[in-house]
């Protein structure tokens, strides 16, 4: 990372001398996948630290120092957060009032509304890095803390985060279903019927087989891939309910205490009925994703 900073300062005219200019957020975001592919976890961590520092400066103002890294014990409960709305408010009907609207002063401790999304892409890469290292507790804590600070996640980041929750053994299925139910499923329009054809834009946005039109940048919705993985996780939990615990990687890497997020089929049915219904009514598609993950098993009650 130091070499990258030096190269950047040379290209921007500083000649590598004096105080280094911070790398732009877009540059940090662009190089993170390369570090992930090379398994350079410390570099990914440093990119995330710098990105978070820049985002705080851009959206909130200069801080004397970064807050300490979140931990599983101190991070806010991700299921109880009052997350900023990401729906397109411009499309919602506005109520007319004779009284003049009260202008609220911006909270100086939280990101300005126009820049609340700036951490979505670097966070997406950071949580991917943590998931590949099996550091699921830290991944959850990081996302919870970012949301608690007032930042918002775009649809891709939400879906990728939920998919990564299902990488553990056993999968953190209850948490994944609950989050999908709370944030993504309310906007799910249903599946394309057998004789219908999905809108072309739905394929571009990785939403094949889902009924509906173009998904705006502020809307949230579960992707087809995410729902297939949720279906596979439900099957895994159903087998676990029947056969018992078949091994776990939730006893290392600081993941202790995450067992409560695994859940049972009864809990999933109770806490995420709409998401489970979307999974159960998913059309049977002859593709690699369903063939490999679902193994043609029926996701029934």
Protein backbone atom coordinates (compact mmCIF):
# COMPACT_ATOMS: atom_id res chain seq x y z
CA UNK A 1 0.00 0.00 0.00
CA UNK A 2 2.89 2.38 0.75
CA UNK A 3 4.26 1.78 -2.76
CA UNK A 4 0.84 2.54 -4.20
CA UNK A 5 0.67 5.81 -2.27
CA UNK A 6 4.16 6.77 -3.45
CA UNK A 7 3.28 5.97 -7.05
CA UNK A 8 0.11 8.02 -6.81
CA UNK A 9 1.91 11.04 -5.36
CA UNK A 10 4.52 10.85 -8.11
CA UNK A 11 1.86 10.75 -10.81
CA UNK A 12 0.01 13.67 -9.26
CA UNK A 13 3.09 15.86 -9.22
CA UNK A 14 4.24 15.56 -5.63
CA UNK A 15 7.27 13.53 -6.69
CA UNK A 16 6.93 11.23 -3.72
CA UNK A 17 8.23 13.97 -1.40
CA UNK A 18 6.63 15.66 1.49
CA UNK A 19 3.25 14.80 2.95
CA UNK A 20 1.40 12.10 0.98
CA UNK A 21 -1.95 13.08 -0.46
CA UNK A 22 -4.67 10.60 0.46
CA UNK A 23 -5.63 8.16 -2.27
CA UNK A 24 -9.03 8.92 -3.77
CA UNK A 25 -11.85 6.70 -2.55
CA UNK A 26 -12.38 5.38 -6.07
CA UNK A 27 -8.73 4.28 -6.31
CA UNK A 28 -8.90 2.45 -2.99
CA UNK A 29 -12.10 0.75 -4.10
CA UNK A 30 -10.57 -0.26 -7.45
CA UNK A 31 -7.46 -1.92 -5.98
CA UNK A 32 -9.23 -3.87 -3.23
CA UNK A 33 -10.37 -6.75 -5.50
CA UNK A 34 -6.78 -7.24 -6.68
CA UNK A 35 -5.58 -7.52 -3.09
CA UNK A 36 -8.42 -9.97 -2.36
CA UNK A 37 -7.42 -12.17 -5.31
CA UNK A 38 -3.82 -12.12 -4.05
CA UNK A 39 -5.03 -12.90 -0.51
CA UNK A 40 -3.21 -9.81 0.75
CA UNK A 41 -5.55 -9.42 3.68
CA UNK A 42 -3.51 -6.75 5.46
CA UNK A 43 -3.59 -4.57 2.35
CA UNK A 44 -7.35 -4.99 2.06
CA UNK A 45 -7.65 -3.99 5.71
CA UNK A 46 -5.52 -0.91 5.13
CA UNK A 47 -7.56 0.10 2.08
CA UNK A 48 -10.72 -0.18 4.15
CA UNK A 49 -9.22 1.88 6.97
CA UNK A 50 -8.23 4.64 4.55
CA UNK A 51 -11.59 4.51 2.77
CA UNK A 52 -13.48 4.78 6.06
CA UNK A 53 -11.27 7.65 7.17
CA UNK A 54 -11.88 9.53 3.92
CA UNK A 55 -15.62 8.87 4.00
CA UNK A 56 -15.86 10.24 7.54
CA UNK A 57 -13.94 13.35 6.51
CA UNK A 58 -16.05 13.87 3.38
CA UNK A 59 -19.44 13.31 4.94
CA UNK A 60 -19.07 14.31 8.57
CA UNK A 61 -15.97 16.46 8.87
CA UNK A 62 -12.44 15.97 10.12
CA UNK A 63 -12.07 13.75 13.15
CA UNK A 64 -9.09 13.76 15.49
CA UNK A 65 -8.74 9.98 15.14
CA UNK A 66 -10.56 6.93 13.91
CA UNK A 67 -12.93 5.18 16.24
CA UNK A 68 -11.59 1.85 17.49
CA UNK A 69 -12.35 -1.21 15.39
CA UNK A 70 -15.75 -2.65 16.28
CA UNK A 71 -15.93 -5.89 18.19
CA UNK A 72 -18.62 -8.50 18.53
CA UNK A 73 -19.18 -7.45 22.17
CA UNK A 74 -19.53 -3.71 21.58
CA UNK A 75 -21.12 -3.46 18.12
CA UNK A 76 -24.81 -2.57 17.90
CA UNK A 77 -27.37 -5.28 17.28
CA UNK A 78 -27.77 -5.31 13.50
CA UNK A 79 -31.38 -6.47 13.79
CA UNK A 80 -32.38 -3.53 16.00
CA UNK A 81 -30.78 -0.72 14.03
CA UNK A 82 -32.87 2.17 12.78
CA UNK A 83 -31.34 2.14 9.31
CA UNK A 84 -31.73 5.17 7.08
CA UNK A 85 -34.36 4.69 4.40
CA UNK A 86 -33.05 3.91 0.95
CA UNK A 87 -36.31 3.94 -0.95
CA UNK A 88 -36.78 6.50 -3.67
CA UNK A 89 -38.69 9.19 -1.83
CA UNK A 90 -39.18 11.17 -5.04
CA UNK A 91 -41.64 8.53 -6.22
CA UNK A 92 -43.71 8.62 -3.03
CA UNK A 93 -46.80 10.84 -2.87
CA UNK A 94 -46.24 13.99 -0.85
CA UNK A 95 -48.84 15.16 1.62
CA UNK A 96 -49.97 18.73 1.17
CA UNK A 97 -49.99 20.87 4.25
CA UNK A 98 -51.02 24.46 4.84
CA UNK A 99 -48.25 24.84 7.36
CA UNK A 100 -44.73 25.48 6.16
CA UNK A 101 -42.52 22.45 6.49
CA UNK A 102 -40.09 22.57 9.37
CA UNK A 103 -36.52 22.57 8.14
CA UNK A 104 -34.43 20.17 10.15
CA UNK A 105 -30.84 21.03 10.79
CA UNK A 106 -28.39 18.36 9.66
CA UNK A 107 -26.84 16.21 12.37
CA UNK A 108 -23.10 17.07 12.35
CA UNK A 109 -22.25 13.62 13.69
CA UNK A 110 -23.82 11.71 10.79
CA UNK A 111 -23.19 11.59 7.02
CA UNK A 112 -24.94 14.16 4.87
CA UNK A 113 -27.83 12.56 2.93
CA UNK A 114 -26.25 13.01 -0.50
CA UNK A 115 -23.12 11.08 0.51
CA UNK A 116 -24.50 8.36 2.78
CA UNK A 117 -23.81 5.75 0.11
CA UNK A 118 -20.07 6.40 -0.42
CA UNK A 119 -18.91 3.41 1.64
CA UNK A 120 -21.02 0.79 -0.15
CA UNK A 121 -18.41 -0.38 -2.65
CA UNK A 122 -15.34 -0.47 -0.38
CA UNK A 123 -17.42 -2.10 2.34
CA UNK A 124 -18.55 -4.72 -0.18
CA UNK A 125 -14.92 -5.69 -0.81
CA UNK A 126 -14.02 -5.56 2.88
CA UNK A 127 -16.80 -7.92 3.96
CA UNK A 128 -15.84 -10.27 1.12
CA UNK A 129 -12.30 -10.32 2.47
CA UNK A 130 -13.51 -11.01 6.01
CA UNK A 131 -15.82 -13.79 4.83
CA UNK A 132 -13.00 -15.49 2.90
CA UNK A 133 -10.97 -15.41 6.12
CA UNK A 134 -13.93 -16.91 8.03
CA UNK A 135 -14.05 -13.80 10.25
CA UNK A 136 -17.84 -13.69 10.30
CA UNK A 137 -18.22 -12.00 13.67
CA UNK A 138 -16.03 -9.10 12.59
CA UNK A 139 -17.90 -8.89 9.30
CA UNK A 140 -21.25 -8.55 11.09
CA UNK A 141 -19.83 -6.05 13.57
CA UNK A 142 -18.39 -3.89 10.80
CA UNK A 143 -21.63 -3.73 8.84
CA UNK A 144 -23.64 -3.02 11.99
CA UNK A 145 -21.32 -0.18 13.00
CA UNK A 146 -21.37 1.40 9.52
CA UNK A 147 -25.17 1.32 9.48
CA UNK A 148 -25.33 2.68 13.01
CA UNK A 149 -23.22 5.67 11.95
CA UNK A 150 -25.82 6.60 9.33
CA UNK A 151 -24.27 5.23 6.13
CA UNK A 152 -26.46 3.23 3.76
CA UNK A 153 -25.71 0.14 1.68
CA UNK A 154 -26.72 -0.23 -1.94
CA UNK A 155 -28.61 -3.28 -3.17
CA UNK A 156 -25.50 -5.15 -4.31
CA UNK A 157 -23.78 -4.72 -0.95
CA UNK A 158 -26.85 -5.89 0.97
CA UNK A 159 -27.20 -9.00 -1.18
CA UNK A 160 -23.51 -9.85 -1.04
CA UNK A 161 -23.46 -9.40 2.73
CA UNK A 162 -26.42 -11.75 3.16
CA UNK A 163 -24.82 -14.31 0.84
CA UNK A 164 -21.60 -14.19 2.88
CA UNK A 165 -23.57 -14.91 6.05
CA UNK A 166 -24.35 -18.28 4.47
CA UNK A 167 -20.70 -19.24 3.88
CA UNK A 168 -20.11 -20.43 7.43
CA UNK A 169 -20.63 -24.00 8.64
CA UNK A 170 -23.43 -24.16 9.63
CA UNK A 171 -24.77 -21.14 7.73
CA UNK A 172 -25.97 -18.13 9.71
CA UNK A 173 -29.35 -18.77 8.16
CA UNK A 174 -31.61 -17.19 10.77
CA UNK A 175 -29.76 -13.86 10.61
CA UNK A 176 -29.68 -13.95 6.80
CA UNK A 177 -33.41 -14.66 6.57
CA UNK A 178 -34.25 -11.98 9.14
CA UNK A 179 -32.21 -9.30 7.39
CA UNK A 180 -33.69 -10.22 4.00
CA UNK A 181 -37.18 -10.11 5.50
CA UNK A 182 -36.61 -6.70 7.07
CA UNK A 183 -34.73 -4.84 4.35
CA UNK A 184 -35.10 -6.61 0.98
CA UNK A 185 -38.29 -8.67 0.80
CA UNK A 186 -40.76 -5.76 1.24
CA UNK A 187 -39.93 -4.63 -2.32
CA UNK A 188 -39.87 -8.11 -3.86
CA UNK A 189 -42.46 -8.14 -6.70
CA UNK A 190 -42.66 -11.91 -7.16
CA UNK A 191 -41.45 -14.33 -9.80
CA UNK A 192 -41.97 -14.25 -13.53
CA UNK A 193 -44.69 -16.68 -14.52
CA UNK A 194 -43.87 -19.66 -16.72
CA UNK A 195 -45.06 -18.08 -19.99
CA UNK A 196 -43.80 -14.59 -19.24
CA UNK A 197 -40.44 -13.13 -20.09
CA UNK A 198 -38.38 -11.12 -17.63
CA UNK A 199 -37.56 -7.54 -18.50
CA UNK A 200 -34.12 -7.21 -20.09
CA UNK A 201 -32.98 -4.74 -17.42
CA UNK A 202 -33.64 -7.35 -14.74
CA UNK A 203 -30.93 -9.56 -16.26
CA UNK A 204 -28.49 -6.67 -16.43
CA UNK A 205 -29.01 -6.02 -12.73
CA UNK A 206 -28.69 -9.72 -11.82
CA UNK A 207 -32.39 -10.08 -11.19
CA UNK A 208 -33.34 -12.83 -13.66
CA UNK A 209 -36.71 -14.57 -13.29
CA UNK A 210 -37.98 -11.78 -11.00
CA UNK A 211 -41.09 -9.90 -12.06
CA UNK A 212 -40.73 -6.16 -12.31
CA UNK A 213 -39.00 -3.46 -14.21
CA UNK A 214 -35.90 -1.38 -13.70
CA UNK A 215 -34.48 -1.28 -10.17
CA UNK A 216 -33.40 2.22 -9.19
CA UNK A 217 -30.17 2.89 -7.34
CA UNK A 218 -32.04 3.54 -4.10
CA UNK A 219 -34.26 0.44 -4.09
CA UNK A 220 -33.51 -2.79 -2.25
CA UNK A 221 -34.56 -6.23 -3.40
CA UNK A 222 -33.30 -9.80 -2.97
CA UNK A 223 -31.49 -11.09 -6.04
CA UNK A 224 -32.20 -14.42 -7.66
CA UNK A 225 -28.76 -15.70 -6.61
CA UNK A 226 -29.35 -14.61 -3.02
CA UNK A 227 -32.70 -16.38 -2.85
CA UNK A 228 -31.22 -19.60 -4.26
CA UNK A 229 -28.50 -19.48 -1.59
CA UNK A 230 -31.11 -18.85 1.08
CA UNK A 231 -32.94 -21.92 -0.19
CA UNK A 232 -29.76 -23.99 0.07
CA UNK A 233 -29.20 -22.69 3.62
CA UNK A 234 -32.76 -23.61 4.59
CA UNK A 235 -32.17 -27.16 3.38
CA UNK A 236 -28.93 -27.29 5.38
CA UNK A 237 -30.74 -26.16 8.53
CA UNK A 238 -33.50 -28.69 7.92
CA UNK A 239 -30.90 -31.47 7.70
CA UNK A 240 -29.24 -30.09 10.83
CA UNK A 241 -32.56 -30.18 12.68
CA UNK A 242 -32.99 -33.83 11.69
CA UNK A 243 -29.42 -35.12 12.12
CA UNK A 244 -27.93 -32.76 14.67
CA UNK A 245 -24.77 -30.66 14.51
CA UNK A 246 -22.42 -32.00 11.81
CA UNK A 247 -19.45 -29.77 12.63
CA UNK A 248 -18.93 -26.04 12.92
CA UNK A 249 -16.37 -23.35 12.16
CA UNK A 250 -18.08 -20.93 14.55
CA UNK A 251 -15.70 -21.79 17.38
CA UNK A 252 -12.63 -19.97 16.04
CA UNK A 253 -11.53 -16.67 14.47
CA UNK A 254 -13.55 -14.78 17.06
CA UNK A 255 -16.82 -16.31 15.86
CA UNK A 256 -17.85 -17.59 19.26
CA UNK A 257 -21.39 -16.53 20.10
CA UNK A 258 -22.71 -16.63 16.53
CA UNK A 259 -24.53 -19.92 17.05
CA UNK A 260 -27.67 -17.95 17.94
CA UNK A 261 -27.76 -16.69 14.33
CA UNK A 262 -27.91 -20.22 12.86
CA UNK A 263 -31.46 -20.90 13.99
CA UNK A 264 -33.90 -23.67 13.16
CA UNK A 265 -36.51 -24.14 10.47
CA UNK A 266 -39.22 -23.27 13.01
CA UNK A 267 -37.54 -19.95 13.81
CA UNK A 268 -37.05 -19.14 10.14
CA UNK A 269 -40.70 -19.85 9.37
CA UNK A 270 -41.75 -17.63 12.28
CA UNK A 271 -39.38 -14.71 11.71
CA UNK A 272 -39.16 -14.58 7.90
CA UNK A 273 -42.39 -15.95 6.40
CA UNK A 274 -42.41 -13.69 3.32
CA UNK A 275 -38.79 -14.47 2.46
CA UNK A 276 -39.34 -18.18 2.93
CA UNK A 277 -42.42 -17.96 0.70
CA UNK A 278 -40.32 -16.26 -2.00
CA UNK A 279 -37.79 -19.09 -1.73
CA UNK A 280 -40.44 -21.81 -1.83
CA UNK A 281 -42.24 -20.35 -4.84
CA UNK A 282 -39.03 -19.86 -6.83
CA UNK A 283 -39.44 -21.42 -10.28
CA UNK A 284 -37.36 -24.51 -11.01
CA UNK A 285 -34.71 -23.33 -13.44
CA UNK A 286 -32.33 -25.65 -15.26
CA UNK A 287 -29.22 -23.68 -14.40
CA UNK A 288 -25.97 -24.46 -12.61
CA UNK A 289 -26.90 -22.40 -9.57
CA UNK A 290 -30.02 -24.37 -8.67
CA UNK A 291 -28.58 -27.71 -9.77
CA UNK A 292 -25.49 -27.37 -7.58
CA UNK A 293 -26.90 -25.57 -4.55
CA UNK A 294 -30.39 -27.02 -4.31
CA UNK A 295 -29.52 -30.42 -5.84
CA UNK A 296 -33.09 -30.48 -7.12
CA UNK A 297 -34.45 -30.80 -3.59
CA UNK A 298 -37.80 -29.21 -2.81
CA UNK A 299 -37.65 -26.32 -0.34
CA UNK A 300 -40.90 -27.12 1.45
CA UNK A 301 -42.17 -26.59 4.96
